């Protein structure tokens, strides 16, 4: 029997990383919050989600690195940081509607 083949070292793609990230705490809530109102300040997201600073920072950075969220630093005193969905992030959110319909259909 042949040994199992390993995927190429560089086989990781943004698609795979995005879907792994979606299962992590706060990510779907961040997307929903940014759909409801955008841009949003970090402090506003933190307050509405009741997320600790380290976790929220991690999730937003990862979402930004995947191209789902854009971060803008507003140069005022005190400094303000705002987040908004990118076009890629908005397109991702659109697929949730059919998923919710599927869940409603089969969760009865």
C-alpha atoms as a PDB file:
ATOM      1  CA  UNK A   1       0.000   0.000   0.000  1.00  0.00           C
ATOM      2  CA  UNK A   2       1.383   3.406  -0.974  1.00  0.00           C
ATOM      3  CA  UNK A   3       1.930   5.994   1.769  1.00  0.00           C
ATOM      4  CA  UNK A   4      -0.607   8.831   1.831  1.00  0.00           C
ATOM      5  CA  UNK A   5       0.459  11.736  -0.322  1.00  0.00           C
ATOM      6  CA  UNK A   6       1.141  15.047   1.312  1.00  0.00           C
ATOM      7  CA  UNK A   7      -0.225  18.193  -0.274  1.00  0.00           C
ATOM      8  CA  UNK A   8       2.404  20.487  -1.766  1.00  0.00           C
ATOM      9  CA  UNK A   9       3.917  22.837   0.785  1.00  0.00           C
ATOM     10  CA  UNK A  10       2.382  25.878  -0.895  1.00  0.00           C
ATOM     11  CA  UNK A  11      -1.075  24.384  -1.455  1.00  0.00           C
ATOM     12  CA  UNK A  12      -2.680  26.642   1.168  1.00  0.00           C
ATOM     13  CA  UNK A  13      -4.919  29.138  -0.546  1.00  0.00           C
ATOM     14  CA  UNK A  14      -6.892  32.160   0.612  1.00  0.00           C
ATOM     15  CA  UNK A  15     -10.139  30.261   0.011  1.00  0.00           C
ATOM     16  CA  UNK A  16      -9.149  27.594   2.500  1.00  0.00           C
ATOM     17  CA  UNK A  17      -7.837  30.125   5.009  1.00  0.00           C
ATOM     18  CA  UNK A  18     -10.982  32.209   4.744  1.00  0.00           C
ATOM     19  CA  UNK A  19     -13.266  29.302   5.521  1.00  0.00           C
ATOM     20  CA  UNK A  20     -11.126  28.218   8.446  1.00  0.00           C
ATOM     21  CA  UNK A  21     -11.275  31.751   9.808  1.00  0.00           C
ATOM     22  CA  UNK A  22     -15.073  31.918   9.452  1.00  0.00           C
ATOM     23  CA  UNK A  23     -15.424  29.217  12.083  1.00  0.00           C
ATOM     24  CA  UNK A  24     -13.506  31.166  14.690  1.00  0.00           C
ATOM     25  CA  UNK A  25     -15.091  33.136  17.500  1.00  0.00           C
ATOM     26  CA  UNK A  26     -16.380  36.630  16.596  1.00  0.00           C
ATOM     27  CA  UNK A  27     -15.597  36.459  12.859  1.00  0.00           C
ATOM     28  CA  UNK A  28     -19.194  36.059  11.667  1.00  0.00           C
ATOM     29  CA  UNK A  29     -20.299  38.651  14.226  1.00  0.00           C
ATOM     30  CA  UNK A  30     -17.690  41.113  12.928  1.00  0.00           C
ATOM     31  CA  UNK A  31     -18.908  40.589   9.361  1.00  0.00           C
ATOM     32  CA  UNK A  32     -22.516  41.141  10.411  1.00  0.00           C
ATOM     33  CA  UNK A  33     -21.609  44.261  12.398  1.00  0.00           C
ATOM     34  CA  UNK A  34     -19.799  45.711   9.387  1.00  0.00           C
ATOM     35  CA  UNK A  35     -22.743  44.914   7.106  1.00  0.00           C
ATOM     36  CA  UNK A  36     -25.096  46.719   9.460  1.00  0.00           C
ATOM     37  CA  UNK A  37     -22.911  49.819   9.703  1.00  0.00           C
ATOM     38  CA  UNK A  38     -19.626  50.613   8.050  1.00  0.00           C
ATOM     39  CA  UNK A  39     -17.102  51.952   8.709  1.00  0.00           C
ATOM     40  CA  UNK A  40     -16.952  51.123  12.403  1.00  0.00           C
ATOM     41  CA  UNK A  41     -14.419  52.110  14.981  1.00  0.00           C
ATOM     42  CA  UNK A  42     -12.472  49.424  16.810  1.00  0.00           C
ATOM     43  CA  UNK A  43     -13.919  50.546  20.145  1.00  0.00           C
ATOM     44  CA  UNK A  44     -17.453  50.325  18.748  1.00  0.00           C
ATOM     45  CA  UNK A  45     -16.871  46.779  17.506  1.00  0.00           C
ATOM     46  CA  UNK A  46     -15.323  45.814  20.818  1.00  0.00           C
ATOM     47  CA  UNK A  47     -18.243  47.207  22.788  1.00  0.00           C
ATOM     48  CA  UNK A  48     -20.959  45.703  20.597  1.00  0.00           C
ATOM     49  CA  UNK A  49     -19.322  42.261  20.437  1.00  0.00           C
ATOM     50  CA  UNK A  50     -18.041  42.284  24.036  1.00  0.00           C
ATOM     51  CA  UNK A  51     -14.778  40.906  22.723  1.00  0.00           C
ATOM     52  CA  UNK A  52     -11.457  41.267  24.463  1.00  0.00           C
ATOM     53  CA  UNK A  53      -8.889  43.478  22.755  1.00  0.00           C
ATOM     54  CA  UNK A  54      -6.396  40.742  21.868  1.00  0.00           C
ATOM     55  CA  UNK A  55      -8.973  38.448  20.251  1.00  0.00           C
ATOM     56  CA  UNK A  56     -10.688  41.206  18.305  1.00  0.00           C
ATOM     57  CA  UNK A  57      -7.338  42.559  17.119  1.00  0.00           C
ATOM     58  CA  UNK A  58      -6.278  39.084  15.973  1.00  0.00           C
ATOM     59  CA  UNK A  59      -9.492  38.439  14.064  1.00  0.00           C
ATOM     60  CA  UNK A  60      -9.486  41.839  12.377  1.00  0.00           C
ATOM     61  CA  UNK A  61      -5.826  41.495  11.358  1.00  0.00           C
ATOM     62  CA  UNK A  62      -6.451  38.074   9.867  1.00  0.00           C
ATOM     63  CA  UNK A  63      -9.566  39.271   8.073  1.00  0.00           C
ATOM     64  CA  UNK A  64      -7.538  42.180   6.731  1.00  0.00           C
ATOM     65  CA  UNK A  65      -4.720  39.895   5.557  1.00  0.00           C
ATOM     66  CA  UNK A  66      -7.253  37.817   3.610  1.00  0.00           C
ATOM     67  CA  UNK A  67      -8.699  40.932   1.994  1.00  0.00           C
ATOM     68  CA  UNK A  68     -12.098  40.813   3.709  1.00  0.00           C
ATOM     69  CA  UNK A  69     -11.717  43.936   5.843  1.00  0.00           C
ATOM     70  CA  UNK A  70      -9.969  47.249   5.272  1.00  0.00           C
ATOM     71  CA  UNK A  71      -8.398  49.196   8.126  1.00  0.00           C
ATOM     72  CA  UNK A  72      -8.046  52.958   8.063  1.00  0.00           C
ATOM     73  CA  UNK A  73      -6.160  55.055  10.607  1.00  0.00           C
ATOM     74  CA  UNK A  74      -7.709  58.490  11.028  1.00  0.00           C
ATOM     75  CA  UNK A  75      -5.014  60.930  12.060  1.00  0.00           C
ATOM     76  CA  UNK A  76      -6.751  62.872  14.795  1.00  0.00           C
ATOM     77  CA  UNK A  77      -6.041  63.194  18.504  1.00  0.00           C
ATOM     78  CA  UNK A  78      -6.728  60.700  19.902  1.00  0.00           C
ATOM     79  CA  UNK A  79      -5.980  58.445  16.936  1.00  0.00           C
ATOM     80  CA  UNK A  80      -9.009  56.669  15.498  1.00  0.00           C
ATOM     81  CA  UNK A  81      -9.037  53.344  13.649  1.00  0.00           C
ATOM     82  CA  UNK A  82     -11.975  52.337  11.481  1.00  0.00           C
ATOM     83  CA  UNK A  83     -12.815  49.087   9.728  1.00  0.00           C
ATOM     84  CA  UNK A  84     -15.026  48.410   6.741  1.00  0.00           C
ATOM     85  CA  UNK A  85     -15.789  45.481   4.484  1.00  0.00           C
ATOM     86  CA  UNK A  86     -13.913  45.337   1.219  1.00  0.00           C
ATOM     87  CA  UNK A  87     -15.729  44.367  -1.993  1.00  0.00           C
ATOM     88  CA  UNK A  88     -14.440  40.822  -1.390  1.00  0.00           C
ATOM     89  CA  UNK A  89     -15.881  40.870   2.137  1.00  0.00           C
ATOM     90  CA  UNK A  90     -19.249  42.135   0.889  1.00  0.00           C
ATOM     91  CA  UNK A  91     -19.337  39.368  -1.719  1.00  0.00           C
ATOM     92  CA  UNK A  92     -18.576  36.780   0.961  1.00  0.00           C
ATOM     93  CA  UNK A  93     -21.447  37.996   3.118  1.00  0.00           C
ATOM     94  CA  UNK A  94     -23.853  37.544   0.188  1.00  0.00           C
ATOM     95  CA  UNK A  95     -23.433  33.765   0.335  1.00  0.00           C
ATOM     96  CA  UNK A  96     -24.791  33.653   3.879  1.00  0.00           C
ATOM     97  CA  UNK A  97     -28.395  34.267   2.758  1.00  0.00           C
ATOM     98  CA  UNK A  98     -28.713  30.937   0.893  1.00  0.00           C
ATOM     99  CA  UNK A  99     -26.959  29.209   3.784  1.00  0.00           C
ATOM    100  CA  UNK A 100     -29.495  30.645   6.248  1.00  0.00           C
ATOM    101  CA  UNK A 101     -32.357  29.480   3.995  1.00  0.00           C
ATOM    102  CA  UNK A 102     -30.817  26.013   3.911  1.00  0.00           C
ATOM    103  CA  UNK A 103     -30.522  25.999   7.701  1.00  0.00           C
ATOM    104  CA  UNK A 104     -34.114  27.103   8.121  1.00  0.00           C
ATOM    105  CA  UNK A 105     -35.324  24.419   5.717  1.00  0.00           C
ATOM    106  CA  UNK A 106     -33.523  21.567   7.466  1.00  0.00           C
ATOM    107  CA  UNK A 107     -33.520  22.605  11.101  1.00  0.00           C
ATOM    108  CA  UNK A 108     -37.209  21.946  11.701  1.00  0.00           C
END
